[in-house]
């Protein structure tokens, strides 16, 4: 089982899952408890079967942030030239 849920997505699923679980327990709703439990399981395991069937992933590419940070000085130099500051 390969992970297909990213960190932020997992945290959001856990938050929604615990909220649904709590509301389901308070309201005695088996449906809400079930949906909450499914969201919590998805958030913990970081695998969503529906996303797997649709071939969707929210995993972050660790290198994309590093590439972005390295391009900031280049972008700043380019903007300085365009504004005539150099």
PDB file of N, CA and C in Angstrom:
ATOM      1  N   UNK A   1       0.850  -1.164   0.000  1.00  0.00           N
ATOM      2  CA  UNK A   1       0.000   0.000   0.000  1.00  0.00           C
ATOM      3  C   UNK A   1       0.902   1.236   0.000  1.00  0.00           C
ATOM      4  N   UNK A   2       0.889   1.961  -1.110  1.00  0.00           N
ATOM      5  CA  UNK A   2       1.738   3.126  -1.274  1.00  0.00           C
ATOM      6  C   UNK A   2       0.986   4.385  -0.842  1.00  0.00           C
ATOM      7  N   UNK A   3       1.670   5.263  -0.118  1.00  0.00           N
ATOM      8  CA  UNK A   3       1.037   6.495   0.359  1.00  0.00           C
ATOM      9  C   UNK A   3       0.638   7.371  -0.820  1.00  0.00           C
ATOM     10  N   UNK A   4      -0.544   7.989  -0.727  1.00  0.00           N
ATOM     11  CA  UNK A   4      -0.978   8.927  -1.751  1.00  0.00           C
ATOM     12  C   UNK A   4      -1.610  10.176  -1.138  1.00  0.00           C
ATOM     13  N   UNK A   5      -1.470  10.342   0.176  1.00  0.00           N
ATOM     14  CA  UNK A   5      -2.013  11.504   0.877  1.00  0.00           C
ATOM     15  C   UNK A   5      -0.855  12.286   1.483  1.00  0.00           C
ATOM     16  N   UNK A   6      -0.768  13.563   1.141  1.00  0.00           N
ATOM     17  CA  UNK A   6       0.303  14.406   1.641  1.00  0.00           C
ATOM     18  C   UNK A   6       0.112  14.793   3.097  1.00  0.00           C
ATOM     19  N   UNK A   7       1.112  15.456   3.655  1.00  0.00           N
ATOM     20  CA  UNK A   7       1.103  15.818   5.069  1.00  0.00           C
ATOM     21  C   UNK A   7      -0.042  16.770   5.409  1.00  0.00           C
ATOM     22  N   UNK A   8      -0.174  17.856   4.656  1.00  0.00           N
ATOM     23  CA  UNK A   8      -1.241  18.820   4.919  1.00  0.00           C
ATOM     24  C   UNK A   8      -2.606  18.159   4.752  1.00  0.00           C
ATOM     25  N   UNK A   9      -2.767  17.394   3.700  1.00  0.00           N
ATOM     26  CA  UNK A   9      -4.015  16.680   3.444  1.00  0.00           C
ATOM     27  C   UNK A   9      -4.336  15.726   4.598  1.00  0.00           C
ATOM     28  N   UNK A  10      -3.333  15.034   5.118  1.00  0.00           N
ATOM     29  CA  UNK A  10      -3.542  14.107   6.231  1.00  0.00           C
ATOM     30  C   UNK A  10      -3.987  14.859   7.486  1.00  0.00           C
ATOM     31  N   UNK A  11      -3.390  16.014   7.750  1.00  0.00           N
ATOM     32  CA  UNK A  11      -3.766  16.794   8.924  1.00  0.00           C
ATOM     33  C   UNK A  11      -5.195  17.304   8.802  1.00  0.00           C
ATOM     34  N   UNK A  12      -5.568  17.726   7.615  1.00  0.00           N
ATOM     35  CA  UNK A  12      -6.943  18.189   7.391  1.00  0.00           C
ATOM     36  C   UNK A  12      -7.923  17.036   7.578  1.00  0.00           C
ATOM     37  N   UNK A  13      -7.592  15.860   7.046  1.00  0.00           N
ATOM     38  CA  UNK A  13      -8.456  14.688   7.195  1.00  0.00           C
ATOM     39  C   UNK A  13      -8.597  14.294   8.663  1.00  0.00           C
ATOM     40  N   UNK A  14      -7.505  14.372   9.417  1.00  0.00           N
ATOM     41  CA  UNK A  14      -7.575  14.042  10.844  1.00  0.00           C
ATOM     42  C   UNK A  14      -8.463  15.033  11.596  1.00  0.00           C
ATOM     43  N   UNK A  15      -8.325  16.314  11.296  1.00  0.00           N
ATOM     44  CA  UNK A  15      -9.144  17.330  11.951  1.00  0.00           C
ATOM     45  C   UNK A  15     -10.623  17.116  11.665  1.00  0.00           C
ATOM     46  N   UNK A  16     -10.944  16.927  10.391  1.00  0.00           N
ATOM     47  CA  UNK A  16     -12.338  16.685  10.004  1.00  0.00           C
ATOM     48  C   UNK A  16     -12.837  15.377  10.605  1.00  0.00           C
ATOM     49  N   UNK A  17     -11.990  14.353  10.595  1.00  0.00           N
ATOM     50  CA  UNK A  17     -12.377  13.051  11.130  1.00  0.00           C
ATOM     51  C   UNK A  17     -12.705  13.100  12.608  1.00  0.00           C
ATOM     52  N   UNK A  18     -11.843  13.752  13.404  1.00  0.00           N
ATOM     53  CA  UNK A  18     -12.118  13.851  14.842  1.00  0.00           C
ATOM     54  C   UNK A  18     -13.349  14.709  15.107  1.00  0.00           C
ATOM     55  N   UNK A  19     -13.557  15.739  14.291  1.00  0.00           N
ATOM     56  CA  UNK A  19     -14.760  16.568  14.449  1.00  0.00           C
ATOM     57  C   UNK A  19     -16.020  15.752  14.157  1.00  0.00           C
ATOM     58  N   UNK A  20     -16.006  15.017  13.054  1.00  0.00           N
ATOM     59  CA  UNK A  20     -17.158  14.174  12.715  1.00  0.00           C
ATOM     60  C   UNK A  20     -17.388  13.097  13.768  1.00  0.00           C
ATOM     61  N   UNK A  21     -16.314  12.505  14.238  1.00  0.00           N
ATOM     62  CA  UNK A  21     -16.430  11.465  15.257  1.00  0.00           C
ATOM     63  C   UNK A  21     -17.065  12.028  16.531  1.00  0.00           C
ATOM     64  N   UNK A  22     -16.592  13.183  16.963  1.00  0.00           N
ATOM     65  CA  UNK A  22     -17.152  13.812  18.157  1.00  0.00           C
ATOM     66  C   UNK A  22     -18.613  14.184  17.987  1.00  0.00           C
ATOM     67  N   UNK A  23     -18.940  14.809  16.844  1.00  0.00           N
ATOM     68  CA  UNK A  23     -20.338  15.177  16.601  1.00  0.00           C
ATOM     69  C   UNK A  23     -21.223  13.946  16.477  1.00  0.00           C
ATOM     70  N   UNK A  24     -20.690  12.892  15.882  1.00  0.00           N
ATOM     71  CA  UNK A  24     -21.458  11.658  15.748  1.00  0.00           C
ATOM     72  C   UNK A  24     -21.743  11.012  17.089  1.00  0.00           C
ATOM     73  N   UNK A  25     -20.769  11.064  17.998  1.00  0.00           N
ATOM     74  CA  UNK A  25     -20.977  10.502  19.335  1.00  0.00           C
ATOM     75  C   UNK A  25     -22.007  11.331  20.105  1.00  0.00           C
ATOM     76  N   UNK A  26     -21.890  12.660  20.011  1.00  0.00           N
ATOM     77  CA  UNK A  26     -22.836  13.534  20.712  1.00  0.00           C
ATOM     78  C   UNK A  26     -24.250  13.351  20.181  1.00  0.00           C
ATOM     79  N   UNK A  27     -24.400  13.251  18.857  1.00  0.00           N
ATOM     80  CA  UNK A  27     -25.726  13.146  18.231  1.00  0.00           C
ATOM     81  C   UNK A  27     -26.200  11.703  18.074  1.00  0.00           C
ATOM     82  N   UNK A  28     -25.445  10.749  18.524  1.00  0.00           N
ATOM     83  CA  UNK A  28     -25.760   9.317  18.380  1.00  0.00           C
ATOM     84  C   UNK A  28     -26.022   8.954  16.917  1.00  0.00           C
ATOM     85  N   UNK A  29     -25.144   9.450  16.025  1.00  0.00           N
ATOM     86  CA  UNK A  29     -25.279   9.191  14.597  1.00  0.00           C
ATOM     87  C   UNK A  29     -24.212   8.194  14.157  1.00  0.00           C
ATOM     88  N   UNK A  30     -24.660   7.011  13.787  1.00  0.00           N
ATOM     89  CA  UNK A  30     -23.720   5.988  13.328  1.00  0.00           C
ATOM     90  C   UNK A  30     -23.041   6.402  12.020  1.00  0.00           C
ATOM     91  N   UNK A  31     -23.753   7.130  11.191  1.00  0.00           N
ATOM     92  CA  UNK A  31     -23.192   7.574   9.910  1.00  0.00           C
ATOM     93  C   UNK A  31     -22.023   8.532  10.137  1.00  0.00           C
ATOM     94  N   UNK A  32     -22.220   9.509  11.014  1.00  0.00           N
ATOM     95  CA  UNK A  32     -21.153  10.478  11.282  1.00  0.00           C
ATOM     96  C   UNK A  32     -19.963   9.812  11.957  1.00  0.00           C
ATOM     97  N   UNK A  33     -20.232   8.882  12.853  1.00  0.00           N
ATOM     98  CA  UNK A  33     -19.143   8.155  13.513  1.00  0.00           C
ATOM     99  C   UNK A  33     -18.359   7.352  12.481  1.00  0.00           C
ATOM    100  N   UNK A  34     -19.062   6.702  11.570  1.00  0.00           N
ATOM    101  CA  UNK A  34     -18.402   5.911  10.523  1.00  0.00           C
ATOM    102  C   UNK A  34     -17.563   6.770   9.591  1.00  0.00           C
ATOM    103  N   UNK A  35     -18.131   7.903   9.153  1.00  0.00           N
ATOM    104  CA  UNK A  35     -17.379   8.803   8.271  1.00  0.00           C
ATOM    105  C   UNK A  35     -16.160   9.377   8.990  1.00  0.00           C
ATOM    106  N   UNK A  36     -16.334   9.747  10.253  1.00  0.00           N
ATOM    107  CA  UNK A  36     -15.214  10.268  11.029  1.00  0.00           C
ATOM    108  C   UNK A  36     -14.110   9.238  11.183  1.00  0.00           C
ATOM    109  N   UNK A  37     -14.495   7.998  11.466  1.00  0.00           N
ATOM    110  CA  UNK A  37     -13.504   6.925  11.623  1.00  0.00           C
ATOM    111  C   UNK A  37     -12.752   6.675  10.317  1.00  0.00           C
ATOM    112  N   UNK A  38     -13.468   6.742   9.191  1.00  0.00           N
ATOM    113  CA  UNK A  38     -12.799   6.551   7.890  1.00  0.00           C
ATOM    114  C   UNK A  38     -11.798   7.667   7.618  1.00  0.00           C
ATOM    115  N   UNK A  39     -12.176   8.913   7.935  1.00  0.00           N
ATOM    116  CA  UNK A  39     -11.254  10.043   7.724  1.00  0.00           C
ATOM    117  C   UNK A  39     -10.026   9.920   8.628  1.00  0.00           C
ATOM    118  N   UNK A  40     -10.237   9.492   9.861  1.00  0.00           N
ATOM    119  CA  UNK A  40      -9.107   9.317  10.778  1.00  0.00           C
ATOM    120  C   UNK A  40      -8.176   8.219  10.270  1.00  0.00           C
ATOM    121  N   UNK A  41      -8.743   7.108   9.809  1.00  0.00           N
ATOM    122  CA  UNK A  41      -7.919   6.008   9.287  1.00  0.00           C
ATOM    123  C   UNK A  41      -7.127   6.453   8.063  1.00  0.00           C
ATOM    124  N   UNK A  42      -7.763   7.229   7.195  1.00  0.00           N
ATOM    125  CA  UNK A  42      -7.080   7.734   6.002  1.00  0.00           C
ATOM    126  C   UNK A  42      -5.960   8.691   6.390  1.00  0.00           C
ATOM    127  N   UNK A  43      -6.206   9.545   7.376  1.00  0.00           N
ATOM    128  CA  UNK A  43      -5.191  10.492   7.821  1.00  0.00           C
ATOM    129  C   UNK A  43      -3.998   9.819   8.470  1.00  0.00           C
ATOM    130  N   UNK A  44      -4.251   8.752   9.225  1.00  0.00           N
ATOM    131  CA  UNK A  44      -3.155   8.045   9.896  1.00  0.00           C
ATOM    132  C   UNK A  44      -2.357   7.204   8.912  1.00  0.00           C
ATOM    133  N   UNK A  45      -3.051   6.448   8.055  1.00  0.00           N
ATOM    134  CA  UNK A  45      -2.350   5.557   7.118  1.00  0.00           C
ATOM    135  C   UNK A  45      -1.793   6.307   5.915  1.00  0.00           C
ATOM    136  N   UNK A  46      -2.322   7.514   5.658  1.00  0.00           N
ATOM    137  CA  UNK A  46      -1.944   8.338   4.508  1.00  0.00           C
ATOM    138  C   UNK A  46      -2.165   7.612   3.187  1.00  0.00           C
ATOM    139  N   UNK A  47      -3.211   6.769   3.157  1.00  0.00           N
ATOM    140  CA  UNK A  47      -3.610   6.081   1.936  1.00  0.00           C
ATOM    141  C   UNK A  47      -5.115   6.221   1.785  1.00  0.00           C
ATOM    142  N   UNK A  48      -5.542   6.701   0.621  1.00  0.00           N
ATOM    143  CA  UNK A  48      -6.961   6.852   0.335  1.00  0.00           C
ATOM    144  C   UNK A  48      -7.298   5.959  -0.869  1.00  0.00           C
ATOM    145  N   UNK A  49      -8.176   4.963  -0.683  1.00  0.00           N
ATOM    146  CA  UNK A  49      -8.496   4.060  -1.786  1.00  0.00           C
ATOM    147  C   UNK A  49      -9.176   4.757  -2.964  1.00  0.00           C
ATOM    148  N   UNK A  50      -9.989   5.766  -2.700  1.00  0.00           N
ATOM    149  CA  UNK A  50     -10.664   6.483  -3.787  1.00  0.00           C
ATOM    150  C   UNK A  50      -9.641   7.251  -4.617  1.00  0.00           C
ATOM    151  N   UNK A  51      -8.705   7.909  -3.943  1.00  0.00           N
ATOM    152  CA  UNK A  51      -7.656   8.622  -4.674  1.00  0.00           C
ATOM    153  C   UNK A  51      -6.787   7.640  -5.455  1.00  0.00           C
ATOM    154  N   UNK A  52      -6.592   6.448  -4.911  1.00  0.00           N
ATOM    155  CA  UNK A  52      -5.819   5.414  -5.607  1.00  0.00           C
ATOM    156  C   UNK A  52      -6.525   5.004  -6.896  1.00  0.00           C
ATOM    157  N   UNK A  53      -7.840   4.806  -6.830  1.00  0.00           N
ATOM    158  CA  UNK A  53      -8.597   4.425  -8.023  1.00  0.00           C
ATOM    159  C   UNK A  53      -8.581   5.520  -9.087  1.00  0.00           C
ATOM    160  N   UNK A  54      -8.598   6.781  -8.637  1.00  0.00           N
ATOM    161  CA  UNK A  54      -8.584   7.910  -9.564  1.00  0.00           C
ATOM    162  C   UNK A  54      -7.174   8.325  -9.973  1.00  0.00           C
ATOM    163  N   UNK A  55      -6.163   7.617  -9.431  1.00  0.00           N
ATOM    164  CA  UNK A  55      -4.753   7.898  -9.714  1.00  0.00           C
ATOM    165  C   UNK A  55      -4.382   9.351  -9.385  1.00  0.00           C
ATOM    166  N   UNK A  56      -4.824   9.804  -8.198  1.00  0.00           N
ATOM    167  CA  UNK A  56      -4.536  11.148  -7.707  1.00  0.00           C
ATOM    168  C   UNK A  56      -3.624  11.019  -6.491  1.00  0.00           C
ATOM    169  N   UNK A  57      -2.719  11.955  -6.335  1.00  0.00           N
ATOM    170  CA  UNK A  57      -1.860  11.991  -5.156  1.00  0.00           C
ATOM    171  C   UNK A  57      -1.696  13.431  -4.689  1.00  0.00           C
ATOM    172  N   UNK A  58      -1.568  13.611  -3.384  1.00  0.00           N
ATOM    173  CA  UNK A  58      -1.297  14.940  -2.837  1.00  0.00           C
ATOM    174  C   UNK A  58       0.050  14.964  -2.134  1.00  0.00           C
ATOM    175  N   UNK A  59       0.884  13.980  -2.425  1.00  0.00           N
ATOM    176  CA  UNK A  59       2.220  13.942  -1.835  1.00  0.00           C
ATOM    177  C   UNK A  59       3.043  15.108  -2.366  1.00  0.00           C
ATOM    178  N   UNK A  60       3.816  15.715  -1.480  1.00  0.00           N
ATOM    179  CA  UNK A  60       4.647  16.839  -1.871  1.00  0.00           C
ATOM    180  C   UNK A  60       5.965  16.325  -2.437  1.00  0.00           C
ATOM    181  N   UNK A  61       6.484  17.046  -3.386  1.00  0.00           N
ATOM    182  CA  UNK A  61       7.808  16.748  -3.908  1.00  0.00           C
ATOM    183  C   UNK A  61       8.805  17.555  -3.075  1.00  0.00           C
ATOM    184  N   UNK A  62       9.636  16.865  -2.315  1.00  0.00           N
ATOM    185  CA  UNK A  62      10.565  17.542  -1.418  1.00  0.00           C
ATOM    186  C   UNK A  62      11.517  18.473  -2.163  1.00  0.00           C
ATOM    187  N   UNK A  63      11.853  18.150  -3.381  1.00  0.00           N
ATOM    188  CA  UNK A  63      12.800  18.962  -4.143  1.00  0.00           C
ATOM    189  C   UNK A  63      12.174  20.255  -4.652  1.00  0.00           C
ATOM    190  N   UNK A  64      10.850  20.327  -4.775  1.00  0.00           N
ATOM    191  CA  UNK A  64      10.223  21.517  -5.332  1.00  0.00           C
ATOM    192  C   UNK A  64      10.444  22.723  -4.431  1.00  0.00           C
ATOM    193  N   UNK A  65      10.392  22.556  -3.121  1.00  0.00           N
ATOM    194  CA  UNK A  65      10.622  23.671  -2.215  1.00  0.00           C
ATOM    195  C   UNK A  65      12.079  24.133  -2.293  1.00  0.00           C
ATOM    196  N   UNK A  66      13.007  23.205  -2.364  1.00  0.00           N
ATOM    197  CA  UNK A  66      14.422  23.574  -2.481  1.00  0.00           C
ATOM    198  C   UNK A  66      14.686  24.334  -3.774  1.00  0.00           C
ATOM    199  N   UNK A  67      14.073  23.901  -4.866  1.00  0.00           N
ATOM    200  CA  UNK A  67      14.246  24.596  -6.142  1.00  0.00           C
ATOM    201  C   UNK A  67      13.703  26.021  -6.061  1.00  0.00           C
ATOM    202  N   UNK A  68      12.555  26.176  -5.403  1.00  0.00           N
ATOM    203  CA  UNK A  68      11.947  27.495  -5.262  1.00  0.00           C
ATOM    204  C   UNK A  68      12.839  28.427  -4.442  1.00  0.00           C
ATOM    205  N   UNK A  69      13.354  27.932  -3.338  1.00  0.00           N
ATOM    206  CA  UNK A  69      14.204  28.756  -2.465  1.00  0.00           C
ATOM    207  C   UNK A  69      15.476  29.170  -3.188  1.00  0.00           C
ATOM    208  N   UNK A  70      16.036  28.281  -3.998  1.00  0.00           N
ATOM    209  CA  UNK A  70      17.264  28.611  -4.733  1.00  0.00           C
ATOM    210  C   UNK A  70      17.015  29.652  -5.816  1.00  0.00           C
ATOM    211  N   UNK A  71      15.778  29.756  -6.324  1.00  0.00           N
ATOM    212  CA  UNK A  71      15.489  30.711  -7.390  1.00  0.00           C
ATOM    213  C   UNK A  71      15.156  32.103  -6.868  1.00  0.00           C
ATOM    214  N   UNK A  72      14.975  32.259  -5.574  1.00  0.00           N
ATOM    215  CA  UNK A  72      14.609  33.561  -5.029  1.00  0.00           C
ATOM    216  C   UNK A  72      15.668  34.628  -5.327  1.00  0.00           C
ATOM    217  N   UNK A  73      16.973  34.374  -5.106  1.00  0.00           N
ATOM    218  CA  UNK A  73      17.961  35.415  -5.432  1.00  0.00           C
ATOM    219  C   UNK A  73      17.964  35.778  -6.924  1.00  0.00           C
ATOM    220  N   UNK A  74      17.787  34.794  -7.804  1.00  0.00           N
ATOM    221  CA  UNK A  74      17.732  35.073  -9.240  1.00  0.00           C
ATOM    222  C   UNK A  74      16.546  35.980  -9.557  1.00  0.00           C
ATOM    223  N   UNK A  75      15.416  35.680  -8.946  1.00  0.00           N
ATOM    224  CA  UNK A  75      14.213  36.472  -9.178  1.00  0.00           C
ATOM    225  C   UNK A  75      14.398  37.888  -8.645  1.00  0.00           C
ATOM    226  N   UNK A  76      15.023  38.020  -7.491  1.00  0.00           N
ATOM    227  CA  UNK A  76      15.262  39.343  -6.908  1.00  0.00           C
ATOM    228  C   UNK A  76      16.176  40.168  -7.811  1.00  0.00           C
ATOM    229  N   UNK A  77      17.234  39.570  -8.355  1.00  0.00           N
ATOM    230  CA  UNK A  77      18.131  40.261  -9.275  1.00  0.00           C
ATOM    231  C   UNK A  77      17.397  40.689 -10.531  1.00  0.00           C
ATOM    232  N   UNK A  78      16.561  39.821 -11.049  1.00  0.00           N
ATOM    233  CA  UNK A  78      15.797  40.118 -12.263  1.00  0.00           C
ATOM    234  C   UNK A  78      14.846  41.298 -12.014  1.00  0.00           C
ATOM    235  N   UNK A  79      14.168  41.301 -10.869  1.00  0.00           N
ATOM    236  CA  UNK A  79      13.256  42.393 -10.551  1.00  0.00           C
ATOM    237  C   UNK A  79      14.014  43.710 -10.358  1.00  0.00           C
ATOM    238  N   UNK A  80      15.200  43.647  -9.757  1.00  0.00           N
ATOM    239  CA  UNK A  80      16.011  44.838  -9.549  1.00  0.00           C
ATOM    240  C   UNK A  80      16.427  45.428 -10.896  1.00  0.00           C
ATOM    241  N   UNK A  81      16.773  44.575 -11.838  1.00  0.00           N
ATOM    242  CA  UNK A  81      17.158  45.062 -13.176  1.00  0.00           C
ATOM    243  C   UNK A  81      15.968  45.704 -13.881  1.00  0.00           C
ATOM    244  N   UNK A  82      14.815  45.091 -13.773  1.00  0.00           N
ATOM    245  CA  UNK A  82      13.626  45.637 -14.421  1.00  0.00           C
ATOM    246  C   UNK A  82      13.217  46.994 -13.822  1.00  0.00           C
ATOM    247  N   UNK A  83      13.445  47.150 -12.548  1.00  0.00           N
ATOM    248  CA  UNK A  83      13.093  48.412 -11.893  1.00  0.00           C
ATOM    249  C   UNK A  83      14.206  49.449 -12.003  1.00  0.00           C
ATOM    250  N   UNK A  84      15.323  49.065 -12.612  1.00  0.00           N
ATOM    251  CA  UNK A  84      16.434  49.996 -12.809  1.00  0.00           C
ATOM    252  C   UNK A  84      17.204  50.287 -11.534  1.00  0.00           C
ATOM    253  N   UNK A  85      17.231  49.360 -10.633  1.00  0.00           N
ATOM    254  CA  UNK A  85      17.919  49.567  -9.366  1.00  0.00           C
ATOM    255  C   UNK A  85      19.378  49.128  -9.431  1.00  0.00           C
ATOM    256  N   UNK A  86      19.793  48.532 -10.520  1.00  0.00           N
ATOM    257  CA  UNK A  86      21.188  48.090 -10.636  1.00  0.00           C
ATOM    258  C   UNK A  86      21.898  48.908 -11.667  1.00  0.00           C
TER     259      UNK A  86
END
